[in-house]
Amino acid sequence: MADYGIQLGKVVFVGLLSVVLTVDVVMGLQALYYWQLDRVEMSEDLYQPPAKLEALLAAQGAQLSDYRMVDAKKGIVAIPIGRAMELVAAELARSERPSPPPPLPKREERHLGTRPQAEENRNER
């Protein structure tokens, strides 16, 4: 049987070296992963949320869920968000047709005034 110029010893050596390097790289990556995982778990144990955060969240929740006077002089009041959504939904249900959208601007107006000025400059020349 002819060997066609293949050196079997080199092929076996390169194959075994590839397997060893692949296993080594995989084990190194696994060790790096678990090392980083330990660091993340330690940092989560040391983390404490800011004390003011809870008070801020409570105040924001109260603003969304309570009735209050915003400006007494102007007669502006705040209502709970749920009630506001109910009022808007009821108002939309009562209206027969929604108001039409505003008309589209004319072609010249869509270009923020650049085209009419250019035409004026041409006419002056």
C-alpha atoms as a PDB file:
ATOM      1  CA  MET A   1       0.000   0.000   0.000  1.00  0.00           C
ATOM      2  CA  ALA A   2       1.385   3.399  -0.997  1.00  0.00           C
ATOM      3  CA  ASP A   3       1.692   6.180   1.559  1.00  0.00           C
ATOM      4  CA  TYR A   4       1.378   9.023  -1.026  1.00  0.00           C
ATOM      5  CA  GLY A   5       4.064  11.057   0.755  1.00  0.00           C
ATOM      6  CA  ILE A   6       2.098  11.374   4.016  1.00  0.00           C
ATOM      7  CA  GLN A   7       4.284  11.251   7.090  1.00  0.00           C
ATOM      8  CA  LEU A   8       2.143   9.430   9.588  1.00  0.00           C
ATOM      9  CA  GLY A   9       4.263  10.432  12.586  1.00  0.00           C
ATOM     10  CA  LYS A  10       3.815  14.163  11.905  1.00  0.00           C
ATOM     11  CA  VAL A  11       0.052  13.778  11.369  1.00  0.00           C
ATOM     12  CA  VAL A  12      -0.332  11.920  14.691  1.00  0.00           C
ATOM     13  CA  PHE A  13       1.855  14.485  16.483  1.00  0.00           C
ATOM     14  CA  VAL A  14      -0.113  17.473  15.112  1.00  0.00           C
ATOM     15  CA  GLY A  15      -3.413  15.751  15.925  1.00  0.00           C
ATOM     16  CA  LEU A  16      -2.393  15.004  19.536  1.00  0.00           C
ATOM     17  CA  LEU A  17      -0.992  18.529  19.955  1.00  0.00           C
ATOM     18  CA  SER A  18      -4.277  19.992  18.681  1.00  0.00           C
ATOM     19  CA  VAL A  19      -6.284  17.900  21.140  1.00  0.00           C
ATOM     20  CA  VAL A  20      -4.048  18.884  24.055  1.00  0.00           C
ATOM     21  CA  LEU A  21      -4.205  22.593  23.154  1.00  0.00           C
ATOM     22  CA  THR A  22      -7.982  22.483  22.698  1.00  0.00           C
ATOM     23  CA  VAL A  23      -8.498  20.826  26.091  1.00  0.00           C
ATOM     24  CA  ASP A  24      -6.091  23.307  27.700  1.00  0.00           C
ATOM     25  CA  VAL A  25      -7.912  26.317  26.197  1.00  0.00           C
ATOM     26  CA  VAL A  26     -11.338  24.980  27.213  1.00  0.00           C
ATOM     27  CA  MET A  27     -10.178  24.336  30.787  1.00  0.00           C
ATOM     28  CA  GLY A  28      -8.579  27.801  30.963  1.00  0.00           C
ATOM     29  CA  LEU A  29     -11.762  29.471  29.751  1.00  0.00           C
ATOM     30  CA  GLN A  30     -13.811  27.481  32.260  1.00  0.00           C
ATOM     31  CA  ALA A  31     -11.465  28.532  35.093  1.00  0.00           C
ATOM     32  CA  LEU A  32     -11.728  32.187  33.952  1.00  0.00           C
ATOM     33  CA  TYR A  33     -15.521  31.921  33.862  1.00  0.00           C
ATOM     34  CA  TYR A  34     -15.791  30.576  37.405  1.00  0.00           C
ATOM     35  CA  TRP A  35     -13.271  33.146  38.678  1.00  0.00           C
ATOM     36  CA  GLN A  36     -15.348  35.977  37.187  1.00  0.00           C
ATOM     37  CA  LEU A  37     -18.542  34.403  38.518  1.00  0.00           C
ATOM     38  CA  ASP A  38     -17.109  34.460  42.062  1.00  0.00           C
ATOM     39  CA  ARG A  39     -16.158  38.127  41.637  1.00  0.00           C
ATOM     40  CA  VAL A  40     -19.673  39.026  40.443  1.00  0.00           C
ATOM     41  CA  GLU A  41     -21.307  37.156  43.321  1.00  0.00           C
ATOM     42  CA  MET A  42     -19.037  38.929  45.814  1.00  0.00           C
ATOM     43  CA  SER A  43     -19.864  42.331  44.354  1.00  0.00           C
ATOM     44  CA  GLU A  44     -23.614  41.571  44.512  1.00  0.00           C
ATOM     45  CA  ASP A  45     -23.252  40.664  48.196  1.00  0.00           C
ATOM     46  CA  LEU A  46     -21.496  43.968  48.895  1.00  0.00           C
ATOM     47  CA  TYR A  47     -23.983  46.115  46.942  1.00  0.00           C
ATOM     48  CA  GLN A  48     -26.509  48.062  48.971  1.00  0.00           C
ATOM     49  CA  PRO A  49     -29.111  50.230  47.243  1.00  0.00           C
ATOM     50  CA  PRO A  50     -28.979  53.910  48.140  1.00  0.00           C
ATOM     51  CA  ALA A  51     -31.114  54.842  51.140  1.00  0.00           C
ATOM     52  CA  LYS A  52     -32.679  57.776  49.316  1.00  0.00           C
ATOM     53  CA  LEU A  53     -33.807  55.525  46.459  1.00  0.00           C
ATOM     54  CA  GLU A  54     -36.603  53.927  48.474  1.00  0.00           C
ATOM     55  CA  ALA A  55     -37.864  57.316  49.633  1.00  0.00           C
ATOM     56  CA  LEU A  56     -37.724  58.648  46.070  1.00  0.00           C
ATOM     57  CA  LEU A  57     -39.651  55.653  44.701  1.00  0.00           C
ATOM     58  CA  ALA A  58     -42.269  56.032  47.443  1.00  0.00           C
ATOM     59  CA  ALA A  59     -42.676  59.738  46.663  1.00  0.00           C
ATOM     60  CA  GLN A  60     -43.041  59.047  42.944  1.00  0.00           C
ATOM     61  CA  GLY A  61     -45.589  56.318  43.660  1.00  0.00           C
ATOM     62  CA  ALA A  62     -47.562  58.738  45.818  1.00  0.00           C
ATOM     63  CA  GLN A  63     -47.536  61.341  43.020  1.00  0.00           C
ATOM     64  CA  LEU A  64     -49.018  58.796  40.622  1.00  0.00           C
ATOM     65  CA  SER A  65     -51.648  57.430  42.987  1.00  0.00           C
ATOM     66  CA  ASP A  66     -52.876  60.354  45.124  1.00  0.00           C
ATOM     67  CA  TYR A  67     -55.061  63.389  44.602  1.00  0.00           C
ATOM     68  CA  ARG A  68     -53.228  66.652  45.318  1.00  0.00           C
ATOM     69  CA  MET A  69     -53.285  70.361  44.626  1.00  0.00           C
ATOM     70  CA  VAL A  70     -50.540  71.395  42.207  1.00  0.00           C
ATOM     71  CA  ASP A  71     -51.295  75.122  41.934  1.00  0.00           C
ATOM     72  CA  ALA A  72     -54.124  76.544  44.062  1.00  0.00           C
ATOM     73  CA  LYS A  73     -54.030  79.960  42.361  1.00  0.00           C
ATOM     74  CA  LYS A  74     -54.493  78.506  38.892  1.00  0.00           C
ATOM     75  CA  GLY A  75     -56.796  75.719  40.066  1.00  0.00           C
ATOM     76  CA  ILE A  76     -54.535  72.903  38.867  1.00  0.00           C
ATOM     77  CA  VAL A  77     -54.961  69.560  40.597  1.00  0.00           C
ATOM     78  CA  ALA A  78     -53.340  66.168  40.106  1.00  0.00           C
ATOM     79  CA  ILE A  79     -55.388  62.996  39.986  1.00  0.00           C
ATOM     80  CA  PRO A  80     -54.261  59.359  40.120  1.00  0.00           C
ATOM     81  CA  ILE A  81     -52.987  58.034  36.825  1.00  0.00           C
ATOM     82  CA  GLY A  82     -55.560  55.238  36.746  1.00  0.00           C
ATOM     83  CA  ARG A  83     -58.430  57.697  37.142  1.00  0.00           C
ATOM     84  CA  ALA A  84     -56.948  59.949  34.451  1.00  0.00           C
ATOM     85  CA  MET A  85     -56.817  57.029  32.009  1.00  0.00           C
ATOM     86  CA  GLU A  86     -60.455  56.176  32.807  1.00  0.00           C
ATOM     87  CA  LEU A  87     -61.535  59.779  32.141  1.00  0.00           C
ATOM     88  CA  VAL A  88     -59.664  59.937  28.833  1.00  0.00           C
ATOM     89  CA  ALA A  89     -61.078  56.588  27.707  1.00  0.00           C
ATOM     90  CA  ALA A  90     -64.615  57.699  28.620  1.00  0.00           C
ATOM     91  CA  GLU A  91     -64.136  60.987  26.773  1.00  0.00           C
ATOM     92  CA  LEU A  92     -62.895  59.200  23.664  1.00  0.00           C
ATOM     93  CA  ALA A  93     -65.788  56.721  23.842  1.00  0.00           C
ATOM     94  CA  ARG A  94     -68.318  59.609  23.998  1.00  0.00           C
ATOM     95  CA  SER A  95     -66.954  61.438  20.983  1.00  0.00           C
ATOM     96  CA  GLU A  96     -68.509  60.270  17.741  1.00  0.00           C
ATOM     97  CA  ARG A  97     -65.557  61.011  15.501  1.00  0.00           C
ATOM     98  CA  PRO A  98     -62.039  61.898  16.435  1.00  0.00           C
ATOM     99  CA  SER A  99     -60.854  65.314  15.345  1.00  0.00           C
ATOM    100  CA  PRO A 100     -59.210  65.298  11.925  1.00  0.00           C
ATOM    101  CA  PRO A 101     -55.450  65.603  11.747  1.00  0.00           C
ATOM    102  CA  PRO A 102     -54.045  69.013  10.867  1.00  0.00           C
ATOM    103  CA  PRO A 103     -53.552  69.656   7.142  1.00  0.00           C
ATOM    104  CA  LEU A 104     -50.183  68.925   5.637  1.00  0.00           C
ATOM    105  CA  PRO A 105     -48.039  71.988   4.991  1.00  0.00           C
ATOM    106  CA  LYS A 106     -47.610  73.177   1.446  1.00  0.00           C
ATOM    107  CA  ARG A 107     -44.567  71.962  -0.382  1.00  0.00           C
ATOM    108  CA  GLU A 108     -42.681  75.225   0.111  1.00  0.00           C
ATOM    109  CA  GLU A 109     -43.380  75.257   3.858  1.00  0.00           C
ATOM    110  CA  ARG A 110     -42.011  71.726   4.343  1.00  0.00           C
ATOM    111  CA  HIS A 111     -38.505  72.852   3.482  1.00  0.00           C
ATOM    112  CA  LEU A 112     -38.341  75.252   6.413  1.00  0.00           C
ATOM    113  CA  GLY A 113     -38.340  78.291   4.180  1.00  0.00           C
ATOM    114  CA  THR A 114     -35.155  77.440   2.279  1.00  0.00           C
ATOM    115  CA  ARG A 115     -36.747  77.113  -1.135  1.00  0.00           C
ATOM    116  CA  PRO A 116     -38.759  80.381  -1.239  1.00  0.00           C
ATOM    117  CA  GLN A 117     -35.668  82.347  -0.202  1.00  0.00           C
ATOM    118  CA  ALA A 118     -33.641  80.725  -2.938  1.00  0.00           C
ATOM    119  CA  GLU A 119     -36.329  81.638  -5.496  1.00  0.00           C
ATOM    120  CA  GLU A 120     -36.378  85.242  -4.238  1.00  0.00           C
ATOM    121  CA  ASN A 121     -32.611  85.459  -4.640  1.00  0.00           C
ATOM    122  CA  ARG A 122     -32.875  84.181  -8.210  1.00  0.00           C
ATOM    123  CA  ASN A 123     -35.548  86.746  -9.038  1.00  0.00           C
ATOM    124  CA  GLU A 124     -33.398  89.594  -7.681  1.00  0.00           C
ATOM    125  CA  ARG A 125     -30.473  88.774  -9.991  1.00  0.00           C
END
